[in-house]
């Protein structure tokens, strides 16, 4: 479990304005900026936040998106420019907690009452690439393998910058956000399915189709021993 005070939300971000985008939707809500003071988080995320492409973003299983400050610092060095809070379209910038090393199904308490669950990795899209304006951005970001985590809200509550983040439950199956994103190994898929069956935990539906497909792959294709 995370030691008290060792992990905090440094910034809470929501959409500043819809931006024109060359994709099929025509606009994007990726332009997130930090907000001041406490804001309410409900089942569908931060109050006042929106998603333009609701087929692929938002909903209960992607209510919030968190990025580790250490990863933002990594990319600031790679890009030779600042990566301010919200630049990657995140709602939460977190310090002192390796977001990408969280296990799928891990639970956090933020502040006094807000409880959330890690549902899986962000899959970077073409909109993200256009927004950053960096050559081969989606491939570069994906190859690094630490894309941040989507979260669902278990218990609604307020949130603000400076709130502590406590890991209250770790499933123990060993399948982290980054491990799944970079591998989709059959043994990991089976571990997730076994955990769901044994505990009654509800896997995110957006993840399930990929897990089921990976679980059916022959072992030799993934290099199992």
C-alpha atoms as a PDB file:
ATOM      1  CA  UNK A   1       0.000   0.000   0.000  1.00  0.00           C
ATOM      2  CA  UNK A   2       1.121   3.555  -0.612  1.00  0.00           C
ATOM      3  CA  UNK A   3       2.601   5.228   2.444  1.00  0.00           C
ATOM      4  CA  UNK A   4       0.521   8.168   3.720  1.00  0.00           C
ATOM      5  CA  UNK A   5       1.539  11.398   2.100  1.00  0.00           C
ATOM      6  CA  UNK A   6       3.840   9.799  -0.466  1.00  0.00           C
ATOM      7  CA  UNK A   7       1.482  10.212  -3.442  1.00  0.00           C
ATOM      8  CA  UNK A   8      -0.606  13.233  -4.325  1.00  0.00           C
ATOM      9  CA  UNK A   9      -2.766  14.649  -7.062  1.00  0.00           C
ATOM     10  CA  UNK A  10      -0.772  17.656  -8.206  1.00  0.00           C
ATOM     11  CA  UNK A  11      -3.375  18.966 -10.679  1.00  0.00           C
ATOM     12  CA  UNK A  12      -7.005  18.346 -11.580  1.00  0.00           C
ATOM     13  CA  UNK A  13      -7.802  19.145 -15.223  1.00  0.00           C
ATOM     14  CA  UNK A  14     -10.917  19.456 -17.345  1.00  0.00           C
ATOM     15  CA  UNK A  15     -11.702  20.610 -20.852  1.00  0.00           C
ATOM     16  CA  UNK A  16     -10.925  24.281 -21.468  1.00  0.00           C
ATOM     17  CA  UNK A  17     -12.534  24.485 -24.906  1.00  0.00           C
ATOM     18  CA  UNK A  18     -13.437  22.238 -27.792  1.00  0.00           C
ATOM     19  CA  UNK A  19     -10.842  22.412 -30.548  1.00  0.00           C
ATOM     20  CA  UNK A  20     -11.327  21.768 -34.274  1.00  0.00           C
ATOM     21  CA  UNK A  21      -9.923  18.410 -35.323  1.00  0.00           C
ATOM     22  CA  UNK A  22      -9.418  16.725 -38.690  1.00  0.00           C
ATOM     23  CA  UNK A  23     -10.909  13.442 -37.464  1.00  0.00           C
ATOM     24  CA  UNK A  24     -14.401  12.142 -38.163  1.00  0.00           C
ATOM     25  CA  UNK A  25     -15.988  13.900 -35.164  1.00  0.00           C
ATOM     26  CA  UNK A  26     -14.658  17.284 -36.256  1.00  0.00           C
ATOM     27  CA  UNK A  27     -13.799  18.540 -32.763  1.00  0.00           C
ATOM     28  CA  UNK A  28     -11.809  17.278 -29.805  1.00  0.00           C
ATOM     29  CA  UNK A  29     -12.021  17.838 -26.043  1.00  0.00           C
ATOM     30  CA  UNK A  30      -8.372  16.924 -25.459  1.00  0.00           C
ATOM     31  CA  UNK A  31      -7.470  20.500 -24.460  1.00  0.00           C
ATOM     32  CA  UNK A  32      -7.530  20.126 -20.644  1.00  0.00           C
ATOM     33  CA  UNK A  33      -6.411  22.810 -18.188  1.00  0.00           C
ATOM     34  CA  UNK A  34      -6.000  22.740 -14.402  1.00  0.00           C
ATOM     35  CA  UNK A  35      -8.875  23.951 -12.223  1.00  0.00           C
ATOM     36  CA  UNK A  36      -8.704  25.706  -8.867  1.00  0.00           C
ATOM     37  CA  UNK A  37     -10.364  24.484  -5.716  1.00  0.00           C
ATOM     38  CA  UNK A  38     -12.366  21.324  -5.072  1.00  0.00           C
ATOM     39  CA  UNK A  39     -14.487  19.809  -7.837  1.00  0.00           C
ATOM     40  CA  UNK A  40     -17.010  16.997  -7.698  1.00  0.00           C
ATOM     41  CA  UNK A  41     -16.303  13.641  -9.308  1.00  0.00           C
ATOM     42  CA  UNK A  42     -19.270  11.460 -10.196  1.00  0.00           C
ATOM     43  CA  UNK A  43     -19.769   8.186 -12.027  1.00  0.00           C
ATOM     44  CA  UNK A  44     -18.952   9.780 -15.384  1.00  0.00           C
ATOM     45  CA  UNK A  45     -15.977  11.785 -14.208  1.00  0.00           C
ATOM     46  CA  UNK A  46     -15.108  15.327 -13.276  1.00  0.00           C
ATOM     47  CA  UNK A  47     -17.939  17.838 -13.175  1.00  0.00           C
ATOM     48  CA  UNK A  48     -17.821  20.100 -16.211  1.00  0.00           C
ATOM     49  CA  UNK A  49     -15.596  17.787 -18.258  1.00  0.00           C
ATOM     50  CA  UNK A  50     -16.779  16.431 -21.624  1.00  0.00           C
ATOM     51  CA  UNK A  51     -15.657  14.083 -24.388  1.00  0.00           C
ATOM     52  CA  UNK A  52     -16.203  14.847 -28.054  1.00  0.00           C
ATOM     53  CA  UNK A  53     -15.765  11.253 -29.285  1.00  0.00           C
ATOM     54  CA  UNK A  54     -17.918   9.288 -26.868  1.00  0.00           C
ATOM     55  CA  UNK A  55     -17.529   6.059 -28.810  1.00  0.00           C
ATOM     56  CA  UNK A  56     -13.906   5.784 -27.693  1.00  0.00           C
ATOM     57  CA  UNK A  57     -13.656   8.101 -24.684  1.00  0.00           C
ATOM     58  CA  UNK A  58     -15.523   8.714 -21.465  1.00  0.00           C
ATOM     59  CA  UNK A  59     -18.258   6.625 -19.894  1.00  0.00           C
ATOM     60  CA  UNK A  60     -18.139   4.860 -16.559  1.00  0.00           C
ATOM     61  CA  UNK A  61     -15.094   2.738 -17.375  1.00  0.00           C
ATOM     62  CA  UNK A  62     -13.044   5.681 -18.642  1.00  0.00           C
ATOM     63  CA  UNK A  63     -14.457   8.299 -16.289  1.00  0.00           C
ATOM     64  CA  UNK A  64     -11.003   9.706 -15.498  1.00  0.00           C
ATOM     65  CA  UNK A  65      -7.582   9.540 -17.095  1.00  0.00           C
ATOM     66  CA  UNK A  66      -4.453   9.794 -14.927  1.00  0.00           C
ATOM     67  CA  UNK A  67      -0.874  10.559 -15.935  1.00  0.00           C
ATOM     68  CA  UNK A  68       2.223  10.165 -13.769  1.00  0.00           C
ATOM     69  CA  UNK A  69       4.291  13.330 -13.331  1.00  0.00           C
ATOM     70  CA  UNK A  70       7.432  11.228 -13.833  1.00  0.00           C
ATOM     71  CA  UNK A  71       6.206  10.310 -17.321  1.00  0.00           C
ATOM     72  CA  UNK A  72       5.412  13.931 -18.132  1.00  0.00           C
ATOM     73  CA  UNK A  73       8.964  14.808 -17.044  1.00  0.00           C
ATOM     74  CA  UNK A  74      10.318  12.036 -19.283  1.00  0.00           C
ATOM     75  CA  UNK A  75       8.520  13.447 -22.301  1.00  0.00           C
ATOM     76  CA  UNK A  76       9.474  17.011 -21.480  1.00  0.00           C
ATOM     77  CA  UNK A  77      13.073  15.871 -21.781  1.00  0.00           C
ATOM     78  CA  UNK A  78      12.455  13.966 -25.000  1.00  0.00           C
ATOM     79  CA  UNK A  79      10.528  16.812 -26.627  1.00  0.00           C
ATOM     80  CA  UNK A  80      12.704  19.605 -25.214  1.00  0.00           C
ATOM     81  CA  UNK A  81       9.568  21.506 -24.224  1.00  0.00           C
ATOM     82  CA  UNK A  82       7.318  21.639 -21.154  1.00  0.00           C
ATOM     83  CA  UNK A  83       4.498  19.129 -20.714  1.00  0.00           C
ATOM     84  CA  UNK A  84       2.146  21.135 -18.502  1.00  0.00           C
ATOM     85  CA  UNK A  85      -0.768  19.517 -16.641  1.00  0.00           C
ATOM     86  CA  UNK A  86      -3.543  18.569 -19.074  1.00  0.00           C
ATOM     87  CA  UNK A  87      -1.278  18.546 -22.113  1.00  0.00           C
ATOM     88  CA  UNK A  88      -1.864  14.835 -22.697  1.00  0.00           C
ATOM     89  CA  UNK A  89      -5.602  15.217 -22.172  1.00  0.00           C
ATOM     90  CA  UNK A  90      -5.422  13.899 -18.618  1.00  0.00           C
ATOM     91  CA  UNK A  91      -7.814  14.723 -15.804  1.00  0.00           C
ATOM     92  CA  UNK A  92      -5.360  13.868 -13.037  1.00  0.00           C
ATOM     93  CA  UNK A  93      -1.645  14.551 -12.827  1.00  0.00           C
ATOM     94  CA  UNK A  94      -0.240  12.376 -10.039  1.00  0.00           C
ATOM     95  CA  UNK A  95       3.149  12.497  -8.303  1.00  0.00           C
ATOM     96  CA  UNK A  96       4.718   9.868  -6.085  1.00  0.00           C
ATOM     97  CA  UNK A  97       2.757   6.948  -7.527  1.00  0.00           C
ATOM     98  CA  UNK A  98       3.843   4.981 -10.596  1.00  0.00           C
ATOM     99  CA  UNK A  99       0.494   5.094 -12.384  1.00  0.00           C
ATOM    100  CA  UNK A 100       1.547   2.704 -15.157  1.00  0.00           C
ATOM    101  CA  UNK A 101       2.744   0.100 -12.679  1.00  0.00           C
ATOM    102  CA  UNK A 102      -0.705  -0.118 -11.071  1.00  0.00           C
ATOM    103  CA  UNK A 103      -2.404  -3.467 -11.493  1.00  0.00           C
ATOM    104  CA  UNK A 104      -5.595  -3.563 -13.515  1.00  0.00           C
ATOM    105  CA  UNK A 105      -8.371  -3.554 -10.922  1.00  0.00           C
ATOM    106  CA  UNK A 106      -6.246  -1.711  -8.345  1.00  0.00           C
ATOM    107  CA  UNK A 107      -8.193   0.724  -6.172  1.00  0.00           C
ATOM    108  CA  UNK A 108      -7.192   4.135  -4.894  1.00  0.00           C
ATOM    109  CA  UNK A 109      -8.688   6.522  -2.378  1.00  0.00           C
ATOM    110  CA  UNK A 110      -8.174  10.177  -3.155  1.00  0.00           C
ATOM    111  CA  UNK A 111      -8.811  12.645  -0.374  1.00  0.00           C
ATOM    112  CA  UNK A 112     -11.364  11.616   2.225  1.00  0.00           C
ATOM    113  CA  UNK A 113     -14.122   9.966   0.181  1.00  0.00           C
ATOM    114  CA  UNK A 114     -13.339   9.528  -3.530  1.00  0.00           C
ATOM    115  CA  UNK A 115     -12.619   5.896  -4.457  1.00  0.00           C
ATOM    116  CA  UNK A 116     -11.552   4.892  -7.946  1.00  0.00           C
ATOM    117  CA  UNK A 117     -10.408   1.757  -9.764  1.00  0.00           C
ATOM    118  CA  UNK A 118      -7.787   1.333 -12.468  1.00  0.00           C
ATOM    119  CA  UNK A 119      -9.510  -0.217 -15.502  1.00  0.00           C
ATOM    120  CA  UNK A 120      -6.686  -0.320 -18.037  1.00  0.00           C
ATOM    121  CA  UNK A 121      -4.245   1.621 -20.219  1.00  0.00           C
ATOM    122  CA  UNK A 122      -4.943   4.523 -22.492  1.00  0.00           C
ATOM    123  CA  UNK A 123      -4.555   3.606 -26.161  1.00  0.00           C
ATOM    124  CA  UNK A 124      -3.195   6.703 -27.929  1.00  0.00           C
ATOM    125  CA  UNK A 125      -5.131   7.732 -31.026  1.00  0.00           C
ATOM    126  CA  UNK A 126      -4.651   9.881 -34.110  1.00  0.00           C
ATOM    127  CA  UNK A 127      -6.369  12.823 -32.396  1.00  0.00           C
ATOM    128  CA  UNK A 128      -3.639  12.762 -29.750  1.00  0.00           C
ATOM    129  CA  UNK A 129      -1.025  12.757 -32.497  1.00  0.00           C
ATOM    130  CA  UNK A 130      -2.561  15.761 -34.223  1.00  0.00           C
ATOM    131  CA  UNK A 131      -2.874  17.595 -30.919  1.00  0.00           C
ATOM    132  CA  UNK A 132       0.801  17.170 -30.020  1.00  0.00           C
ATOM    133  CA  UNK A 133       1.962  17.914 -33.542  1.00  0.00           C
ATOM    134  CA  UNK A 134       5.063  15.749 -33.138  1.00  0.00           C
ATOM    135  CA  UNK A 135       6.337  13.493 -35.890  1.00  0.00           C
ATOM    136  CA  UNK A 136       5.278   9.842 -35.411  1.00  0.00           C
ATOM    137  CA  UNK A 137       3.939  10.826 -32.005  1.00  0.00           C
ATOM    138  CA  UNK A 138       1.465   7.981 -31.504  1.00  0.00           C
ATOM    139  CA  UNK A 139       4.117   5.375 -32.313  1.00  0.00           C
ATOM    140  CA  UNK A 140       6.701   7.038 -30.087  1.00  0.00           C
ATOM    141  CA  UNK A 141       4.308   7.353 -27.175  1.00  0.00           C
ATOM    142  CA  UNK A 142       3.122   3.759 -27.604  1.00  0.00           C
ATOM    143  CA  UNK A 143       6.632   2.340 -27.930  1.00  0.00           C
ATOM    144  CA  UNK A 144       7.559   3.871 -24.588  1.00  0.00           C
ATOM    145  CA  UNK A 145       4.775   1.722 -23.138  1.00  0.00           C
ATOM    146  CA  UNK A 146       3.675   3.995 -20.293  1.00  0.00           C
ATOM    147  CA  UNK A 147       0.514   5.665 -21.519  1.00  0.00           C
ATOM    148  CA  UNK A 148      -1.304   6.382 -18.262  1.00  0.00           C
ATOM    149  CA  UNK A 149      -4.405   4.745 -16.839  1.00  0.00           C
ATOM    150  CA  UNK A 150      -8.162   4.978 -17.215  1.00  0.00           C
ATOM    151  CA  UNK A 151     -10.176   4.961 -14.004  1.00  0.00           C
ATOM    152  CA  UNK A 152     -13.744   4.252 -12.980  1.00  0.00           C
ATOM    153  CA  UNK A 153     -15.412   5.851  -9.981  1.00  0.00           C
ATOM    154  CA  UNK A 154     -16.486   3.485  -7.198  1.00  0.00           C
ATOM    155  CA  UNK A 155     -17.457   6.131  -4.636  1.00  0.00           C
ATOM    156  CA  UNK A 156     -18.071   9.711  -5.831  1.00  0.00           C
ATOM    157  CA  UNK A 157     -16.565  12.617  -3.962  1.00  0.00           C
ATOM    158  CA  UNK A 158     -14.665  15.889  -4.202  1.00  0.00           C
ATOM    159  CA  UNK A 159     -11.131  16.221  -5.503  1.00  0.00           C
ATOM    160  CA  UNK A 160      -8.554  18.989  -5.593  1.00  0.00           C
ATOM    161  CA  UNK A 161      -4.855  19.500  -6.144  1.00  0.00           C
ATOM    162  CA  UNK A 162      -2.891  18.366  -3.121  1.00  0.00           C
ATOM    163  CA  UNK A 163      -5.187  15.468  -2.243  1.00  0.00           C
ATOM    164  CA  UNK A 164      -3.350  12.366  -1.102  1.00  0.00           C
ATOM    165  CA  UNK A 165      -3.624   9.158  -3.106  1.00  0.00           C
ATOM    166  CA  UNK A 166      -3.710   5.888  -1.175  1.00  0.00           C
ATOM    167  CA  UNK A 167      -3.643   2.447  -2.776  1.00  0.00           C
ATOM    168  CA  UNK A 168      -6.360   0.582  -0.864  1.00  0.00           C
ATOM    169  CA  UNK A 169      -6.463  -2.656  -2.846  1.00  0.00           C
ATOM    170  CA  UNK A 170      -4.075  -4.459  -5.156  1.00  0.00           C
ATOM    171  CA  UNK A 171      -5.552  -7.564  -6.859  1.00  0.00           C
ATOM    172  CA  UNK A 172      -2.345  -9.606  -6.847  1.00  0.00           C
ATOM    173  CA  UNK A 173      -2.633 -11.051 -10.369  1.00  0.00           C
ATOM    174  CA  UNK A 174       0.470  -9.125 -11.438  1.00  0.00           C
ATOM    175  CA  UNK A 175      -0.943  -7.650 -14.658  1.00  0.00           C
ATOM    176  CA  UNK A 176      -0.031  -3.981 -14.569  1.00  0.00           C
ATOM    177  CA  UNK A 177      -1.263  -1.276 -16.902  1.00  0.00           C
ATOM    178  CA  UNK A 178       2.022  -1.116 -18.780  1.00  0.00           C
ATOM    179  CA  UNK A 179       2.478  -4.919 -18.834  1.00  0.00           C
ATOM    180  CA  UNK A 180      -0.886  -5.344 -20.527  1.00  0.00           C
ATOM    181  CA  UNK A 181      -0.374  -2.451 -22.942  1.00  0.00           C
ATOM    182  CA  UNK A 182       3.017  -3.667 -24.091  1.00  0.00           C
ATOM    183  CA  UNK A 183       2.334  -7.380 -24.254  1.00  0.00           C
ATOM    184  CA  UNK A 184      -1.253  -8.640 -24.194  1.00  0.00           C
ATOM    185  CA  UNK A 185       0.241 -11.987 -23.238  1.00  0.00           C
ATOM    186  CA  UNK A 186      -2.040 -15.039 -23.133  1.00  0.00           C
ATOM    187  CA  UNK A 187      -0.939 -15.863 -19.588  1.00  0.00           C
ATOM    188  CA  UNK A 188      -1.848 -12.347 -18.462  1.00  0.00           C
ATOM    189  CA  UNK A 189      -5.232 -12.539 -20.150  1.00  0.00           C
ATOM    190  CA  UNK A 190      -5.906 -15.815 -18.389  1.00  0.00           C
ATOM    191  CA  UNK A 191      -4.803 -14.333 -15.078  1.00  0.00           C
ATOM    192  CA  UNK A 192      -7.293 -11.485 -15.486  1.00  0.00           C
ATOM    193  CA  UNK A 193     -10.108 -13.867 -16.402  1.00  0.00           C
ATOM    194  CA  UNK A 194      -9.266 -16.178 -13.499  1.00  0.00           C
ATOM    195  CA  UNK A 195      -9.235 -13.251 -11.093  1.00  0.00           C
ATOM    196  CA  UNK A 196     -12.623 -12.113 -12.343  1.00  0.00           C
ATOM    197  CA  UNK A 197     -14.103 -15.577 -11.942  1.00  0.00           C
ATOM    198  CA  UNK A 198     -12.647 -16.083  -8.483  1.00  0.00           C
ATOM    199  CA  UNK A 199     -13.552 -12.705  -7.010  1.00  0.00           C
ATOM    200  CA  UNK A 200     -16.564 -11.392  -8.925  1.00  0.00           C
ATOM    201  CA  UNK A 201     -14.577  -8.330  -9.973  1.00  0.00           C
ATOM    202  CA  UNK A 202     -16.049  -6.742 -13.109  1.00  0.00           C
ATOM    203  CA  UNK A 203     -13.490  -6.274 -15.865  1.00  0.00           C
ATOM    204  CA  UNK A 204     -14.001  -3.176 -18.021  1.00  0.00           C
ATOM    205  CA  UNK A 205     -15.924  -4.097 -21.148  1.00  0.00           C
ATOM    206  CA  UNK A 206     -13.586  -2.102 -23.393  1.00  0.00           C
ATOM    207  CA  UNK A 207     -10.799  -4.380 -22.173  1.00  0.00           C
ATOM    208  CA  UNK A 208     -12.704  -7.647 -22.243  1.00  0.00           C
ATOM    209  CA  UNK A 209     -12.696  -8.230 -26.009  1.00  0.00           C
ATOM    210  CA  UNK A 210      -8.912  -7.890 -26.112  1.00  0.00           C
ATOM    211  CA  UNK A 211      -8.462 -10.115 -23.060  1.00  0.00           C
ATOM    212  CA  UNK A 212     -10.661 -12.862 -24.511  1.00  0.00           C
ATOM    213  CA  UNK A 213      -8.828 -12.712 -27.833  1.00  0.00           C
ATOM    214  CA  UNK A 214      -5.417 -12.875 -26.155  1.00  0.00           C
ATOM    215  CA  UNK A 215      -6.473 -15.761 -23.911  1.00  0.00           C
ATOM    216  CA  UNK A 216      -7.275 -17.876 -26.980  1.00  0.00           C
ATOM    217  CA  UNK A 217      -3.901 -17.382 -28.632  1.00  0.00           C
ATOM    218  CA  UNK A 218      -1.643 -20.451 -28.789  1.00  0.00           C
ATOM    219  CA  UNK A 219       1.049 -20.323 -26.170  1.00  0.00           C
ATOM    220  CA  UNK A 220       3.887 -20.533 -28.668  1.00  0.00           C
ATOM    221  CA  UNK A 221       2.816 -17.289 -30.353  1.00  0.00           C
ATOM    222  CA  UNK A 222       3.500 -15.383 -27.172  1.00  0.00           C
ATOM    223  CA  UNK A 223       6.670 -17.235 -26.228  1.00  0.00           C
ATOM    224  CA  UNK A 224       5.201 -18.963 -23.182  1.00  0.00           C
ATOM    225  CA  UNK A 225       7.436 -21.533 -21.533  1.00  0.00           C
END
